[in-house]
Structures are given as structure tokens and as C-alpha cells.
């Protein structure tokens, strides 16, 4: 064995994603785009997929919540990093509006 295994956590995830991007030949800039998306939305994890899979049908960028709740989608999708950022912003805005609506309802 070459040493102790790294502890689970964000750095291990980042390292694994770099390895996956290299081995699966992600397009230029896809890894950096995922890292930017993760910095903008730290509660979410993003990835790139070539499409054609069961869950990742389309080629593009996907994100899922780090700590999923039943109200969260399994994956949000954007063909480009900007489209995924817009999908994330729309989802987060809608979720906040729903929480505010429920809070008002409970107060009445």
C-alpha cells in the first residue's frame, strides 16, 4: 500500500473528479466549469457527462444537491455551464419562495 487513504470530504471529491475528467476525456474547460459551478453553489455538486446514459441522457452539465431532501430534483441539467447555473438559480429561487409561502401559512 502506498500510504493512508485520504479522508472523505470535498478535497477527495475534487481529486476524484479530476481523475474522472482525465480518464474519460472530458472536453476542454469542462472540469474548470464544474469547479466554478461548485464554488458558486457550494451546496451542490456538478459534473459533465457525454450523454447516452440512463440518468445523464443528454450531453452537458449536471448538478445534484450535496445533502438531498425529498423536494430536491435528482439532477439539474444544462447543456452549457451557464444553462446549469440558470437552472440552479431558478431551482433555489423557487425553493426559497416555497419555504416563505409555507412559513406564512404556518403563521396564520
PDB file of N, CA and C in Angstrom:
ATOM      1  N   UNK A   1       0.855  -1.175   0.000  1.00  0.00           N
ATOM      2  CA  UNK A   1       0.000   0.000   0.000  1.00  0.00           C
ATOM      3  C   UNK A   1       0.898   1.234   0.000  1.00  0.00           C
ATOM      4  N   UNK A   2       0.456   2.284  -0.671  1.00  0.00           N
ATOM      5  CA  UNK A   2       1.286   3.477  -0.817  1.00  0.00           C
ATOM      6  C   UNK A   2       1.089   4.493   0.290  1.00  0.00           C
ATOM      7  N   UNK A   3       0.264   4.252   1.239  1.00  0.00           N
ATOM      8  CA  UNK A   3       0.034   5.187   2.330  1.00  0.00           C
ATOM      9  C   UNK A   3      -1.421   5.178   2.738  1.00  0.00           C
ATOM     10  N   UNK A   4      -1.755   6.003   3.709  1.00  0.00           N
ATOM     11  CA  UNK A   4      -3.145   6.031   4.182  1.00  0.00           C
ATOM     12  C   UNK A   4      -4.073   6.603   3.116  1.00  0.00           C
ATOM     13  N   UNK A   5      -5.272   6.106   3.127  1.00  0.00           N
ATOM     14  CA  UNK A   5      -6.281   6.625   2.207  1.00  0.00           C
ATOM     15  C   UNK A   5      -6.686   8.026   2.641  1.00  0.00           C
ATOM     16  N   UNK A   6      -6.966   8.909   1.684  1.00  0.00           N
ATOM     17  CA  UNK A   6      -7.407  10.248   2.066  1.00  0.00           C
ATOM     18  C   UNK A   6      -8.775  10.189   2.747  1.00  0.00           C
ATOM     19  N   UNK A   7      -8.988  11.111   3.643  1.00  0.00           N
ATOM     20  CA  UNK A   7     -10.272  11.190   4.337  1.00  0.00           C
ATOM     21  C   UNK A   7     -11.366  11.606   3.363  1.00  0.00           C
ATOM     22  N   UNK A   8     -12.584  11.070   3.528  1.00  0.00           N
ATOM     23  CA  UNK A   8     -13.691  11.520   2.689  1.00  0.00           C
ATOM     24  C   UNK A   8     -13.930  13.011   2.906  1.00  0.00           C
ATOM     25  N   UNK A   9     -14.385  13.668   1.896  1.00  0.00           N
ATOM     26  CA  UNK A   9     -14.677  15.081   2.009  1.00  0.00           C
ATOM     27  C   UNK A   9     -14.499  15.785   0.686  1.00  0.00           C
ATOM     28  N   UNK A  10     -14.634  17.105   0.694  1.00  0.00           N
ATOM     29  CA  UNK A  10     -14.592  17.868  -0.548  1.00  0.00           C
ATOM     30  C   UNK A  10     -13.307  17.685  -1.354  1.00  0.00           C
ATOM     31  N   UNK A  11     -12.166  17.623  -0.675  1.00  0.00           N
ATOM     32  CA  UNK A  11     -10.911  17.502  -1.430  1.00  0.00           C
ATOM     33  C   UNK A  11     -10.814  16.157  -2.139  1.00  0.00           C
ATOM     34  N   UNK A  12     -11.275  15.098  -1.490  1.00  0.00           N
ATOM     35  CA  UNK A  12     -11.280  13.790  -2.129  1.00  0.00           C
ATOM     36  C   UNK A  12     -12.200  13.819  -3.354  1.00  0.00           C
ATOM     37  N   UNK A  13     -13.358  14.441  -3.214  1.00  0.00           N
ATOM     38  CA  UNK A  13     -14.276  14.557  -4.344  1.00  0.00           C
ATOM     39  C   UNK A  13     -13.675  15.335  -5.498  1.00  0.00           C
ATOM     40  N   UNK A  14     -12.982  16.423  -5.195  1.00  0.00           N
ATOM     41  CA  UNK A  14     -12.338  17.225  -6.250  1.00  0.00           C
ATOM     42  C   UNK A  14     -11.250  16.406  -6.943  1.00  0.00           C
ATOM     43  N   UNK A  15     -10.473  15.691  -6.154  1.00  0.00           N
ATOM     44  CA  UNK A  15      -9.409  14.872  -6.741  1.00  0.00           C
ATOM     45  C   UNK A  15      -9.990  13.782  -7.630  1.00  0.00           C
ATOM     46  N   UNK A  16     -11.029  13.134  -7.160  1.00  0.00           N
ATOM     47  CA  UNK A  16     -11.659  12.079  -7.958  1.00  0.00           C
ATOM     48  C   UNK A  16     -12.238  12.635  -9.247  1.00  0.00           C
ATOM     49  N   UNK A  17     -12.858  13.816  -9.170  1.00  0.00           N
ATOM     50  CA  UNK A  17     -13.429  14.400 -10.388  1.00  0.00           C
ATOM     51  C   UNK A  17     -12.331  14.728 -11.391  1.00  0.00           C
ATOM     52  N   UNK A  18     -11.192  15.219 -10.910  1.00  0.00           N
ATOM     53  CA  UNK A  18     -10.074  15.491 -11.829  1.00  0.00           C
ATOM     54  C   UNK A  18      -9.630  14.213 -12.529  1.00  0.00           C
ATOM     55  N   UNK A  19      -9.545  13.113 -11.774  1.00  0.00           N
ATOM     56  CA  UNK A  19      -9.166  11.827 -12.372  1.00  0.00           C
ATOM     57  C   UNK A  19     -10.200  11.341 -13.380  1.00  0.00           C
ATOM     58  N   UNK A  20     -11.462  11.465 -13.027  1.00  0.00           N
ATOM     59  CA  UNK A  20     -12.535  11.049 -13.933  1.00  0.00           C
ATOM     60  C   UNK A  20     -12.491  11.872 -15.218  1.00  0.00           C
ATOM     61  N   UNK A  21     -12.324  13.191 -15.085  1.00  0.00           N
ATOM     62  CA  UNK A  21     -12.274  14.060 -16.265  1.00  0.00           C
ATOM     63  C   UNK A  21     -11.117  13.664 -17.184  1.00  0.00           C
ATOM     64  N   UNK A  22      -9.994  13.345 -16.588  1.00  0.00           N
ATOM     65  CA  UNK A  22      -8.823  12.962 -17.387  1.00  0.00           C
ATOM     66  C   UNK A  22      -9.045  11.616 -18.078  1.00  0.00           C
ATOM     67  N   UNK A  23      -9.528  10.658 -17.331  1.00  0.00           N
ATOM     68  CA  UNK A  23      -9.684   9.307 -17.884  1.00  0.00           C
ATOM     69  C   UNK A  23     -10.818   9.192 -18.889  1.00  0.00           C
ATOM     70  N   UNK A  24     -11.855   9.988 -18.709  1.00  0.00           N
ATOM     71  CA  UNK A  24     -12.993   9.936 -19.629  1.00  0.00           C
ATOM     72  C   UNK A  24     -12.905  10.990 -20.727  1.00  0.00           C
ATOM     73  N   UNK A  25     -11.793  11.706 -20.762  1.00  0.00           N
ATOM     74  CA  UNK A  25     -11.526  12.694 -21.824  1.00  0.00           C
ATOM     75  C   UNK A  25     -12.640  13.736 -21.945  1.00  0.00           C
ATOM     76  N   UNK A  26     -12.924  14.380 -20.802  1.00  0.00           N
ATOM     77  CA  UNK A  26     -13.890  15.472 -20.841  1.00  0.00           C
ATOM     78  C   UNK A  26     -13.399  16.541 -21.808  1.00  0.00           C
ATOM     79  N   UNK A  27     -14.311  17.294 -22.398  1.00  0.00           N
ATOM     80  CA  UNK A  27     -13.881  18.372 -23.301  1.00  0.00           C
ATOM     81  C   UNK A  27     -13.104  19.453 -22.545  1.00  0.00           C
ATOM     82  N   UNK A  28     -12.272  20.158 -23.273  1.00  0.00           N
ATOM     83  CA  UNK A  28     -11.503  21.255 -22.674  1.00  0.00           C
ATOM     84  C   UNK A  28     -12.438  22.224 -21.964  1.00  0.00           C
ATOM     85  N   UNK A  29     -12.089  22.572 -20.746  1.00  0.00           N
ATOM     86  CA  UNK A  29     -12.842  23.550 -19.973  1.00  0.00           C
ATOM     87  C   UNK A  29     -13.971  22.984 -19.134  1.00  0.00           C
ATOM     88  N   UNK A  30     -14.370  21.719 -19.362  1.00  0.00           N
ATOM     89  CA  UNK A  30     -15.500  21.155 -18.606  1.00  0.00           C
ATOM     90  C   UNK A  30     -15.168  21.014 -17.124  1.00  0.00           C
ATOM     91  N   UNK A  31     -13.965  20.553 -16.809  1.00  0.00           N
ATOM     92  CA  UNK A  31     -13.577  20.397 -15.405  1.00  0.00           C
ATOM     93  C   UNK A  31     -13.555  21.747 -14.702  1.00  0.00           C
ATOM     94  N   UNK A  32     -12.949  22.736 -15.329  1.00  0.00           N
ATOM     95  CA  UNK A  32     -12.880  24.077 -14.739  1.00  0.00           C
ATOM     96  C   UNK A  32     -14.280  24.666 -14.565  1.00  0.00           C
ATOM     97  N   UNK A  33     -15.171  24.403 -15.525  1.00  0.00           N
ATOM     98  CA  UNK A  33     -16.550  24.899 -15.412  1.00  0.00           C
ATOM     99  C   UNK A  33     -17.247  24.272 -14.213  1.00  0.00           C
ATOM    100  N   UNK A  34     -17.062  22.968 -14.001  1.00  0.00           N
ATOM    101  CA  UNK A  34     -17.666  22.300 -12.844  1.00  0.00           C
ATOM    102  C   UNK A  34     -17.124  22.879 -11.539  1.00  0.00           C
ATOM    103  N   UNK A  35     -15.835  23.142 -11.513  1.00  0.00           N
ATOM    104  CA  UNK A  35     -15.249  23.723 -10.302  1.00  0.00           C
ATOM    105  C   UNK A  35     -15.816  25.114 -10.028  1.00  0.00           C
ATOM    106  N   UNK A  36     -16.032  25.910 -11.075  1.00  0.00           N
ATOM    107  CA  UNK A  36     -16.640  27.245 -10.898  1.00  0.00           C
ATOM    108  C   UNK A  36     -18.084  27.124 -10.416  1.00  0.00           C
ATOM    109  N   UNK A  37     -18.827  26.194 -11.004  1.00  0.00           N
ATOM    110  CA  UNK A  37     -20.220  25.994 -10.593  1.00  0.00           C
ATOM    111  C   UNK A  37     -20.275  25.603  -9.122  1.00  0.00           C
ATOM    112  N   UNK A  38     -19.398  24.707  -8.707  1.00  0.00           N
ATOM    113  CA  UNK A  38     -19.375  24.280  -7.303  1.00  0.00           C
ATOM    114  C   UNK A  38     -19.030  25.432  -6.367  1.00  0.00           C
ATOM    115  N   UNK A  39     -18.151  26.324  -6.806  1.00  0.00           N
ATOM    116  CA  UNK A  39     -17.831  27.489  -5.961  1.00  0.00           C
ATOM    117  C   UNK A  39     -19.027  28.434  -5.866  1.00  0.00           C
ATOM    118  N   UNK A  40     -19.777  28.582  -6.945  1.00  0.00           N
ATOM    119  CA  UNK A  40     -20.961  29.463  -6.926  1.00  0.00           C
ATOM    120  C   UNK A  40     -22.096  28.871  -6.097  1.00  0.00           C
ATOM    121  N   UNK A  41     -22.195  27.542  -6.088  1.00  0.00           N
ATOM    122  CA  UNK A  41     -23.275  26.846  -5.376  1.00  0.00           C
ATOM    123  C   UNK A  41     -22.666  25.726  -4.539  1.00  0.00           C
ATOM    124  N   UNK A  42     -22.087  26.061  -3.386  1.00  0.00           N
ATOM    125  CA  UNK A  42     -21.391  25.049  -2.584  1.00  0.00           C
ATOM    126  C   UNK A  42     -22.286  23.935  -2.053  1.00  0.00           C
ATOM    127  N   UNK A  43     -23.575  24.120  -2.051  1.00  0.00           N
ATOM    128  CA  UNK A  43     -24.487  23.072  -1.609  1.00  0.00           C
ATOM    129  C   UNK A  43     -24.785  22.039  -2.685  1.00  0.00           C
ATOM    130  N   UNK A  44     -24.196  22.217  -3.846  1.00  0.00           N
ATOM    131  CA  UNK A  44     -24.440  21.332  -4.984  1.00  0.00           C
ATOM    132  C   UNK A  44     -23.124  20.780  -5.516  1.00  0.00           C
ATOM    133  N   UNK A  45     -23.179  19.607  -6.145  1.00  0.00           N
ATOM    134  CA  UNK A  45     -22.017  19.008  -6.807  1.00  0.00           C
ATOM    135  C   UNK A  45     -22.338  18.931  -8.294  1.00  0.00           C
ATOM    136  N   UNK A  46     -21.410  19.371  -9.119  1.00  0.00           N
ATOM    137  CA  UNK A  46     -21.659  19.343 -10.551  1.00  0.00           C
ATOM    138  C   UNK A  46     -20.713  18.379 -11.244  1.00  0.00           C
ATOM    139  N   UNK A  47     -21.126  17.961 -12.425  1.00  0.00           N
ATOM    140  CA  UNK A  47     -20.315  17.069 -13.244  1.00  0.00           C
ATOM    141  C   UNK A  47     -20.665  17.300 -14.697  1.00  0.00           C
ATOM    142  N   UNK A  48     -19.863  16.733 -15.573  1.00  0.00           N
ATOM    143  CA  UNK A  48     -20.134  16.765 -17.009  1.00  0.00           C
ATOM    144  C   UNK A  48     -20.359  15.332 -17.454  1.00  0.00           C
ATOM    145  N   UNK A  49     -21.237  15.128 -18.417  1.00  0.00           N
ATOM    146  CA  UNK A  49     -21.488  13.786 -18.939  1.00  0.00           C
ATOM    147  C   UNK A  49     -21.639  13.847 -20.456  1.00  0.00           C
ATOM    148  N   UNK A  50     -21.176  12.782 -21.137  1.00  0.00           N
ATOM    149  CA  UNK A  50     -21.260  12.760 -22.597  1.00  0.00           C
ATOM    150  C   UNK A  50     -22.650  12.447 -23.126  1.00  0.00           C
ATOM    151  N   UNK A  51     -23.575  12.086 -22.232  1.00  0.00           N
ATOM    152  CA  UNK A  51     -24.921  11.732 -22.664  1.00  0.00           C
ATOM    153  C   UNK A  51     -25.008  10.260 -23.029  1.00  0.00           C
ATOM    154  N   UNK A  52     -26.216   9.839 -23.310  1.00  0.00           N
ATOM    155  CA  UNK A  52     -26.437   8.460 -23.707  1.00  0.00           C
ATOM    156  C   UNK A  52     -26.620   7.488 -22.558  1.00  0.00           C
ATOM    157  N   UNK A  53     -26.562   7.978 -21.326  1.00  0.00           N
ATOM    158  CA  UNK A  53     -26.727   7.108 -20.165  1.00  0.00           C
ATOM    159  C   UNK A  53     -28.178   7.041 -19.725  1.00  0.00           C
ATOM    160  N   UNK A  54     -28.402   6.290 -18.668  1.00  0.00           N
ATOM    161  CA  UNK A  54     -29.754   6.153 -18.136  1.00  0.00           C
ATOM    162  C   UNK A  54     -30.198   7.444 -17.461  1.00  0.00           C
ATOM    163  N   UNK A  55     -29.343   7.993 -16.580  1.00  0.00           N
ATOM    164  CA  UNK A  55     -29.699   9.225 -15.879  1.00  0.00           C
ATOM    165  C   UNK A  55     -29.215  10.462 -16.623  1.00  0.00           C
ATOM    166  N   UNK A  56     -28.064  10.374 -17.229  1.00  0.00           N
ATOM    167  CA  UNK A  56     -27.468  11.512 -17.925  1.00  0.00           C
ATOM    168  C   UNK A  56     -27.668  11.315 -19.424  1.00  0.00           C
ATOM    169  N   UNK A  57     -28.890  11.506 -19.873  1.00  0.00           N
ATOM    170  CA  UNK A  57     -29.266  11.204 -21.249  1.00  0.00           C
ATOM    171  C   UNK A  57     -28.611  12.178 -22.227  1.00  0.00           C
ATOM    172  N   UNK A  58     -28.593  13.441 -21.865  1.00  0.00           N
ATOM    173  CA  UNK A  58     -28.077  14.460 -22.788  1.00  0.00           C
ATOM    174  C   UNK A  58     -26.637  14.823 -22.455  1.00  0.00           C
ATOM    175  N   UNK A  59     -25.904  15.242 -23.470  1.00  0.00           N
ATOM    176  CA  UNK A  59     -24.531  15.708 -23.289  1.00  0.00           C
ATOM    177  C   UNK A  59     -24.583  17.082 -22.636  1.00  0.00           C
ATOM    178  N   UNK A  60     -23.872  17.240 -21.519  1.00  0.00           N
ATOM    179  CA  UNK A  60     -23.857  18.541 -20.870  1.00  0.00           C
ATOM    180  C   UNK A  60     -23.481  18.440 -19.409  1.00  0.00           C
ATOM    181  N   UNK A  61     -23.925  19.421 -18.661  1.00  0.00           N
ATOM    182  CA  UNK A  61     -23.556  19.574 -17.256  1.00  0.00           C
ATOM    183  C   UNK A  61     -24.741  19.230 -16.362  1.00  0.00           C
ATOM    184  N   UNK A  62     -24.438  18.550 -15.255  1.00  0.00           N
ATOM    185  CA  UNK A  62     -25.454  18.110 -14.307  1.00  0.00           C
ATOM    186  C   UNK A  62     -25.030  18.524 -12.907  1.00  0.00           C
ATOM    187  N   UNK A  63     -26.019  18.740 -12.044  1.00  0.00           N
ATOM    188  CA  UNK A  63     -25.730  19.051 -10.643  1.00  0.00           C
ATOM    189  C   UNK A  63     -26.757  18.344  -9.771  1.00  0.00           C
ATOM    190  N   UNK A  64     -26.284  17.931  -8.598  1.00  0.00           N
ATOM    191  CA  UNK A  64     -27.181  17.356  -7.613  1.00  0.00           C
ATOM    192  C   UNK A  64     -26.824  17.942  -6.252  1.00  0.00           C
ATOM    193  N   UNK A  65     -27.805  18.030  -5.358  1.00  0.00           N
ATOM    194  CA  UNK A  65     -27.520  18.590  -4.037  1.00  0.00           C
ATOM    195  C   UNK A  65     -26.581  17.693  -3.243  1.00  0.00           C
ATOM    196  N   UNK A  66     -25.695  18.329  -2.474  1.00  0.00           N
ATOM    197  CA  UNK A  66     -24.781  17.558  -1.620  1.00  0.00           C
ATOM    198  C   UNK A  66     -25.560  16.831  -0.521  1.00  0.00           C
ATOM    199  N   UNK A  67     -26.561  17.473   0.029  1.00  0.00           N
ATOM    200  CA  UNK A  67     -27.433  16.868   1.037  1.00  0.00           C
ATOM    201  C   UNK A  67     -28.858  16.945   0.503  1.00  0.00           C
ATOM    202  N   UNK A  68     -29.272  15.911  -0.174  1.00  0.00           N
ATOM    203  CA  UNK A  68     -30.568  15.926  -0.853  1.00  0.00           C
ATOM    204  C   UNK A  68     -31.725  15.834   0.134  1.00  0.00           C
ATOM    205  N   UNK A  69     -32.775  16.565  -0.190  1.00  0.00           N
ATOM    206  CA  UNK A  69     -34.058  16.470   0.513  1.00  0.00           C
ATOM    207  C   UNK A  69     -35.078  15.903  -0.474  1.00  0.00           C
ATOM    208  N   UNK A  70     -36.184  15.461   0.017  1.00  0.00           N
ATOM    209  CA  UNK A  70     -37.188  14.894  -0.898  1.00  0.00           C
ATOM    210  C   UNK A  70     -37.652  15.896  -1.938  1.00  0.00           C
ATOM    211  N   UNK A  71     -37.625  17.179  -1.601  1.00  0.00           N
ATOM    212  CA  UNK A  71     -38.108  18.191  -2.539  1.00  0.00           C
ATOM    213  C   UNK A  71     -37.095  18.516  -3.632  1.00  0.00           C
ATOM    214  N   UNK A  72     -35.858  18.044  -3.485  1.00  0.00           N
ATOM    215  CA  UNK A  72     -34.828  18.334  -4.485  1.00  0.00           C
ATOM    216  C   UNK A  72     -34.932  17.386  -5.665  1.00  0.00           C
ATOM    217  N   UNK A  73     -34.626  17.902  -6.851  1.00  0.00           N
ATOM    218  CA  UNK A  73     -34.574  17.006  -8.005  1.00  0.00           C
ATOM    219  C   UNK A  73     -33.356  16.098  -7.891  1.00  0.00           C
ATOM    220  N   UNK A  74     -33.397  14.975  -8.545  1.00  0.00           N
ATOM    221  CA  UNK A  74     -32.235  14.079  -8.545  1.00  0.00           C
ATOM    222  C   UNK A  74     -31.076  14.780  -9.238  1.00  0.00           C
ATOM    223  N   UNK A  75     -31.323  15.370 -10.398  1.00  0.00           N
ATOM    224  CA  UNK A  75     -30.300  16.096 -11.154  1.00  0.00           C
ATOM    225  C   UNK A  75     -30.918  17.326 -11.788  1.00  0.00           C
ATOM    226  N   UNK A  76     -30.149  18.405 -11.815  1.00  0.00           N
ATOM    227  CA  UNK A  76     -30.497  19.563 -12.658  1.00  0.00           C
ATOM    228  C   UNK A  76     -29.568  19.503 -13.854  1.00  0.00           C
ATOM    229  N   UNK A  77     -30.029  19.972 -14.998  1.00  0.00           N
ATOM    230  CA  UNK A  77     -29.259  19.852 -16.240  1.00  0.00           C
ATOM    231  C   UNK A  77     -29.126  21.186 -16.940  1.00  0.00           C
ATOM    232  N   UNK A  78     -27.994  21.362 -17.597  1.00  0.00           N
ATOM    233  CA  UNK A  78     -27.778  22.474 -18.508  1.00  0.00           C
ATOM    234  C   UNK A  78     -26.823  22.019 -19.602  1.00  0.00           C
ATOM    235  N   UNK A  79     -27.136  22.303 -20.845  1.00  0.00           N
ATOM    236  CA  UNK A  79     -26.248  21.912 -21.950  1.00  0.00           C
ATOM    237  C   UNK A  79     -24.907  22.633 -21.847  1.00  0.00           C
ATOM    238  N   UNK A  80     -24.931  23.811 -21.252  1.00  0.00           N
ATOM    239  CA  UNK A  80     -23.713  24.601 -21.056  1.00  0.00           C
ATOM    240  C   UNK A  80     -23.596  24.951 -19.578  1.00  0.00           C
ATOM    241  N   UNK A  81     -22.418  25.385 -19.142  1.00  0.00           N
ATOM    242  CA  UNK A  81     -22.295  25.801 -17.737  1.00  0.00           C
ATOM    243  C   UNK A  81     -23.264  26.926 -17.380  1.00  0.00           C
ATOM    244  N   UNK A  82     -23.467  27.870 -18.286  1.00  0.00           N
ATOM    245  CA  UNK A  82     -24.386  28.980 -17.994  1.00  0.00           C
ATOM    246  C   UNK A  82     -25.824  28.495 -17.854  1.00  0.00           C
ATOM    247  N   UNK A  83     -26.214  27.516 -18.672  1.00  0.00           N
ATOM    248  CA  UNK A  83     -27.566  26.966 -18.555  1.00  0.00           C
ATOM    249  C   UNK A  83     -27.743  26.227 -17.225  1.00  0.00           C
ATOM    250  N   UNK A  84     -26.709  25.510 -16.791  1.00  0.00           N
ATOM    251  CA  UNK A  84     -26.812  24.829 -15.497  1.00  0.00           C
ATOM    252  C   UNK A  84     -26.878  25.841 -14.359  1.00  0.00           C
ATOM    253  N   UNK A  85     -26.077  26.883 -14.436  1.00  0.00           N
ATOM    254  CA  UNK A  85     -26.147  27.932 -13.400  1.00  0.00           C
ATOM    255  C   UNK A  85     -27.542  28.547 -13.350  1.00  0.00           C
ATOM    256  N   UNK A  86     -28.139  28.786 -14.515  1.00  0.00           N
ATOM    257  CA  UNK A  86     -29.502  29.341 -14.554  1.00  0.00           C
ATOM    258  C   UNK A  86     -30.505  28.360 -13.945  1.00  0.00           C
ATOM    259  N   UNK A  87     -30.353  27.068 -14.241  1.00  0.00           N
ATOM    260  CA  UNK A  87     -31.250  26.058 -13.666  1.00  0.00           C
ATOM    261  C   UNK A  87     -31.105  26.008 -12.151  1.00  0.00           C
ATOM    262  N   UNK A  88     -29.874  26.085 -11.668  1.00  0.00           N
ATOM    263  CA  UNK A  88     -29.636  26.107 -10.224  1.00  0.00           C
ATOM    264  C   UNK A  88     -30.271  27.343  -9.595  1.00  0.00           C
ATOM    265  N   UNK A  89     -30.040  28.506 -10.186  1.00  0.00           N
ATOM    266  CA  UNK A  89     -30.624  29.738  -9.646  1.00  0.00           C
ATOM    267  C   UNK A  89     -32.148  29.666  -9.628  1.00  0.00           C
ATOM    268  N   UNK A  90     -32.751  29.152 -10.719  1.00  0.00           N
ATOM    269  CA  UNK A  90     -34.212  29.027 -10.775  1.00  0.00           C
ATOM    270  C   UNK A  90     -34.724  28.084  -9.692  1.00  0.00           C
ATOM    271  N   UNK A  91     -34.064  26.957  -9.520  1.00  0.00           N
ATOM    272  CA  UNK A  91     -34.496  25.989  -8.510  1.00  0.00           C
ATOM    273  C   UNK A  91     -34.384  26.578  -7.103  1.00  0.00           C
ATOM    274  N   UNK A  92     -33.267  27.213  -6.819  1.00  0.00           N
ATOM    275  CA  UNK A  92     -33.045  27.784  -5.479  1.00  0.00           C
ATOM    276  C   UNK A  92     -34.043  28.898  -5.205  1.00  0.00           C
ATOM    277  N   UNK A  93     -34.304  29.742  -6.192  1.00  0.00           N
ATOM    278  CA  UNK A  93     -35.291  30.821  -6.029  1.00  0.00           C
ATOM    279  C   UNK A  93     -36.679  30.245  -5.774  1.00  0.00           C
ATOM    280  N   UNK A  94     -37.065  29.236  -6.528  1.00  0.00           N
ATOM    281  CA  UNK A  94     -38.381  28.619  -6.340  1.00  0.00           C
ATOM    282  C   UNK A  94     -38.480  27.947  -4.971  1.00  0.00           C
ATOM    283  N   UNK A  95     -37.407  27.311  -4.553  1.00  0.00           N
ATOM    284  CA  UNK A  95     -37.414  26.654  -3.241  1.00  0.00           C
ATOM    285  C   UNK A  95     -37.557  27.680  -2.113  1.00  0.00           C
ATOM    286  N   UNK A  96     -36.852  28.793  -2.233  1.00  0.00           N
ATOM    287  CA  UNK A  96     -36.972  29.844  -1.202  1.00  0.00           C
ATOM    288  C   UNK A  96     -38.385  30.413  -1.164  1.00  0.00           C
ATOM    289  N   UNK A  97     -38.976  30.610  -2.331  1.00  0.00           N
ATOM    290  CA  UNK A  97     -40.342  31.130  -2.387  1.00  0.00           C
ATOM    291  C   UNK A  97     -41.313  30.149  -1.738  1.00  0.00           C
ATOM    292  N   UNK A  98     -41.115  28.851  -1.981  1.00  0.00           N
ATOM    293  CA  UNK A  98     -41.989  27.840  -1.384  1.00  0.00           C
ATOM    294  C   UNK A  98     -41.819  27.802   0.135  1.00  0.00           C
ATOM    295  N   UNK A  99     -40.581  27.895   0.611  1.00  0.00           N
ATOM    296  CA  UNK A  99     -40.367  27.917   2.069  1.00  0.00           C
ATOM    297  C   UNK A  99     -41.026  29.136   2.694  1.00  0.00           C
ATOM    298  N   UNK A 100     -40.944  30.285   2.028  1.00  0.00           N
ATOM    299  CA  UNK A 100     -41.573  31.502   2.552  1.00  0.00           C
ATOM    300  C   UNK A 100     -43.095  31.342   2.574  1.00  0.00           C
ATOM    301  N   UNK A 101     -43.644  30.736   1.531  1.00  0.00           N
ATOM    302  CA  UNK A 101     -45.092  30.523   1.463  1.00  0.00           C
ATOM    303  C   UNK A 101     -45.539  29.608   2.601  1.00  0.00           C
ATOM    304  N   UNK A 102     -44.796  28.523   2.833  1.00  0.00           N
ATOM    305  CA  UNK A 102     -45.143  27.581   3.900  1.00  0.00           C
ATOM    306  C   UNK A 102     -45.023  28.265   5.261  1.00  0.00           C
ATOM    307  N   UNK A 103     -43.984  29.088   5.439  1.00  0.00           N
ATOM    308  CA  UNK A 103     -43.814  29.798   6.706  1.00  0.00           C
ATOM    309  C   UNK A 103     -44.977  30.741   6.966  1.00  0.00           C
ATOM    310  N   UNK A 104     -45.411  31.468   5.939  1.00  0.00           N
ATOM    311  CA  UNK A 104     -46.565  32.372   6.103  1.00  0.00           C
ATOM    312  C   UNK A 104     -47.808  31.591   6.441  1.00  0.00           C
ATOM    313  N   UNK A 105     -48.003  30.454   5.801  1.00  0.00           N
ATOM    314  CA  UNK A 105     -49.173  29.612   6.045  1.00  0.00           C
ATOM    315  C   UNK A 105     -49.176  29.140   7.502  1.00  0.00           C
ATOM    316  N   UNK A 106     -48.025  28.761   8.016  1.00  0.00           N
ATOM    317  CA  UNK A 106     -47.955  28.277   9.393  1.00  0.00           C
ATOM    318  C   UNK A 106     -48.235  29.379  10.407  1.00  0.00           C
ATOM    319  N   UNK A 107     -47.957  30.624  10.053  1.00  0.00           N
ATOM    320  CA  UNK A 107     -48.167  31.739  10.957  1.00  0.00           C
ATOM    321  C   UNK A 107     -49.625  32.169  11.021  1.00  0.00           C
ATOM    322  N   UNK A 108     -50.419  31.779  10.033  1.00  0.00           N
ATOM    323  CA  UNK A 108     -51.822  32.217  10.023  1.00  0.00           C
ATOM    324  C   UNK A 108     -52.712  31.283  10.775  1.00  0.00           C
TER     325      UNK A 108
END
